[in-house]
Amino acid sequence: MSHKLTLSMLVLAATVSGCATQQQFLDQMQPAAIDTVLNRTRFDWNCPSATSTLISREVVQPALQGPLVNGIPRAEYTVGVAGCGKRASFVVICPEGGSGCFSTGEGPFHPSWQP
């Protein structure tokens, strides 16, 4: 087997295993992310019947990566919540290796720019 083929197979195997790991991380943190948003909105809205819908989820790589400085990968979820006549979306961040998640306020993570 040539060296190029062996190297290509190793890169492919590492890529596939990395995807499975990211999916496992997302699956593992999703219940905590949903609970974080529901607990927050049920309190803020005084609405114990609020329900959630997962809109999106992804693993976000750290902005800082290098030989001396490494950031923390994090799971990022967008969760819609509805109840008591209200409806909003929230972004929830769960740092890898952390013990919990935190939620943004209602609406988009970054406000839209208006000229």
Protein backbone atom coordinates (compact mmCIF):
# COMPACT_ATOMS: atom_id res chain seq x y z
CA MET A 1 0.00 0.00 0.00
CA SER A 2 1.36 3.39 -0.88
CA HIS A 3 2.07 6.03 1.74
CA LYS A 4 -0.43 8.45 0.18
CA LEU A 5 -3.23 5.88 0.33
CA THR A 6 -2.41 5.00 3.94
CA LEU A 7 -2.34 8.66 4.92
CA SER A 8 -5.64 9.29 3.12
CA MET A 9 -7.27 6.39 4.96
CA LEU A 10 -6.02 7.68 8.32
CA VAL A 11 -7.34 11.18 7.63
CA LEU A 12 -10.71 9.76 6.59
CA ALA A 13 -10.92 7.59 9.72
CA ALA A 14 -10.07 10.56 11.96
CA THR A 15 -12.68 12.71 10.24
CA VAL A 16 -15.43 10.11 10.56
CA SER A 17 -14.63 9.42 14.22
CA GLY A 18 -14.60 13.18 14.92
CA CYS A 19 -18.11 13.53 13.48
CA ALA A 20 -19.41 10.71 15.66
CA THR A 21 -17.84 12.36 18.70
CA GLN A 22 -19.48 15.70 17.89
CA GLN A 23 -22.86 14.01 17.46
CA GLN A 24 -22.43 12.25 20.80
CA PHE A 25 -21.50 15.56 22.46
CA LEU A 26 -24.60 17.25 20.99
CA ASP A 27 -26.83 14.34 22.04
CA GLN A 28 -25.34 14.34 25.55
CA MET A 29 -25.77 18.08 26.18
CA GLN A 30 -29.17 18.54 24.50
CA PRO A 31 -31.32 17.65 27.57
CA ALA A 32 -29.40 20.16 29.73
CA ALA A 33 -29.77 22.84 27.03
CA ILE A 34 -33.53 22.30 26.79
CA ASP A 35 -33.90 22.30 30.61
CA THR A 36 -31.89 25.54 30.86
CA VAL A 37 -34.20 27.36 28.46
CA LEU A 38 -37.40 25.93 29.89
CA ASN A 39 -36.44 26.76 33.47
CA ARG A 40 -35.52 30.30 32.46
CA THR A 41 -38.66 31.01 30.45
CA ARG A 42 -41.01 29.36 32.92
CA PHE A 43 -39.62 31.68 35.59
CA ASP A 44 -39.29 34.87 33.48
CA TRP A 45 -42.70 34.49 31.88
CA ASN A 46 -44.35 33.03 35.01
CA CYS A 47 -45.56 30.26 32.70
CA PRO A 48 -45.15 26.72 34.05
CA SER A 49 -46.79 25.28 30.92
CA ALA A 50 -44.15 26.61 28.46
CA THR A 51 -42.90 24.03 25.96
CA SER A 52 -39.81 23.90 23.77
CA THR A 53 -38.88 23.00 20.20
CA LEU A 54 -35.29 22.36 19.10
CA ILE A 55 -34.62 24.54 16.05
CA SER A 56 -30.94 23.83 15.42
CA ARG A 57 -27.78 22.48 17.02
CA GLU A 58 -24.10 22.50 16.17
CA VAL A 59 -20.64 22.20 17.69
CA VAL A 60 -18.79 25.50 17.53
CA GLN A 61 -15.02 25.33 17.53
CA PRO A 62 -13.08 27.85 19.62
CA ALA A 63 -11.81 31.01 17.98
CA LEU A 64 -8.43 30.62 19.67
CA GLN A 65 -6.42 27.55 18.74
CA GLY A 66 -2.70 27.29 18.78
CA PRO A 67 0.25 25.65 20.44
CA LEU A 68 -0.01 27.76 23.62
CA VAL A 69 -3.65 28.87 23.70
CA ASN A 70 -6.72 26.72 23.16
CA GLY A 71 -10.33 27.74 23.54
CA ILE A 72 -13.16 25.43 24.55
CA PRO A 73 -15.42 23.77 21.98
CA ARG A 74 -19.09 24.25 22.77
CA ALA A 75 -22.46 22.90 21.77
CA GLU A 76 -24.78 25.65 20.55
CA TYR A 77 -28.52 25.09 20.36
CA THR A 78 -31.31 27.34 19.12
CA VAL A 79 -34.47 26.53 21.03
CA GLY A 80 -37.95 27.92 20.47
CA VAL A 81 -40.25 28.28 23.48
CA ALA A 82 -44.00 28.86 23.48
CA GLY A 83 -46.55 29.22 26.25
CA CYS A 84 -49.00 31.57 27.96
CA GLY A 85 -49.54 33.55 24.76
CA LYS A 86 -45.80 34.16 24.20
CA ARG A 87 -43.29 32.75 21.75
CA ALA A 88 -39.53 33.37 21.48
CA SER A 89 -36.25 31.78 20.45
CA PHE A 90 -33.13 31.43 22.58
CA VAL A 91 -29.52 30.44 21.95
CA VAL A 92 -28.08 28.03 24.51
CA ILE A 93 -24.34 27.41 24.91
CA CYS A 94 -22.93 24.30 26.61
CA PRO A 95 -19.11 24.31 26.97
CA GLU A 96 -17.36 20.99 26.52
CA GLY A 97 -16.23 19.65 29.87
CA GLY A 98 -18.47 22.10 31.72
CA SER A 99 -21.12 21.24 34.26
CA GLY A 100 -24.01 23.12 32.66
CA CYS A 101 -25.33 25.43 29.97
CA PHE A 102 -26.29 29.10 29.75
CA SER A 103 -28.96 30.82 27.72
CA THR A 104 -29.13 34.15 25.92
CA GLY A 105 -32.10 36.46 26.21
CA GLU A 106 -35.10 36.27 23.92
CA GLY A 107 -34.55 36.89 20.24
CA PRO A 108 -31.51 36.64 17.97
CA PHE A 109 -28.02 36.25 19.38
CA HIS A 110 -26.83 39.32 17.45
CA PRO A 111 -29.27 42.13 16.70
CA SER A 112 -29.76 42.81 13.03
CA TRP A 113 -27.99 45.86 11.70
CA GLN A 114 -30.43 48.56 10.66
CA PRO A 115 -29.23 51.44 8.44
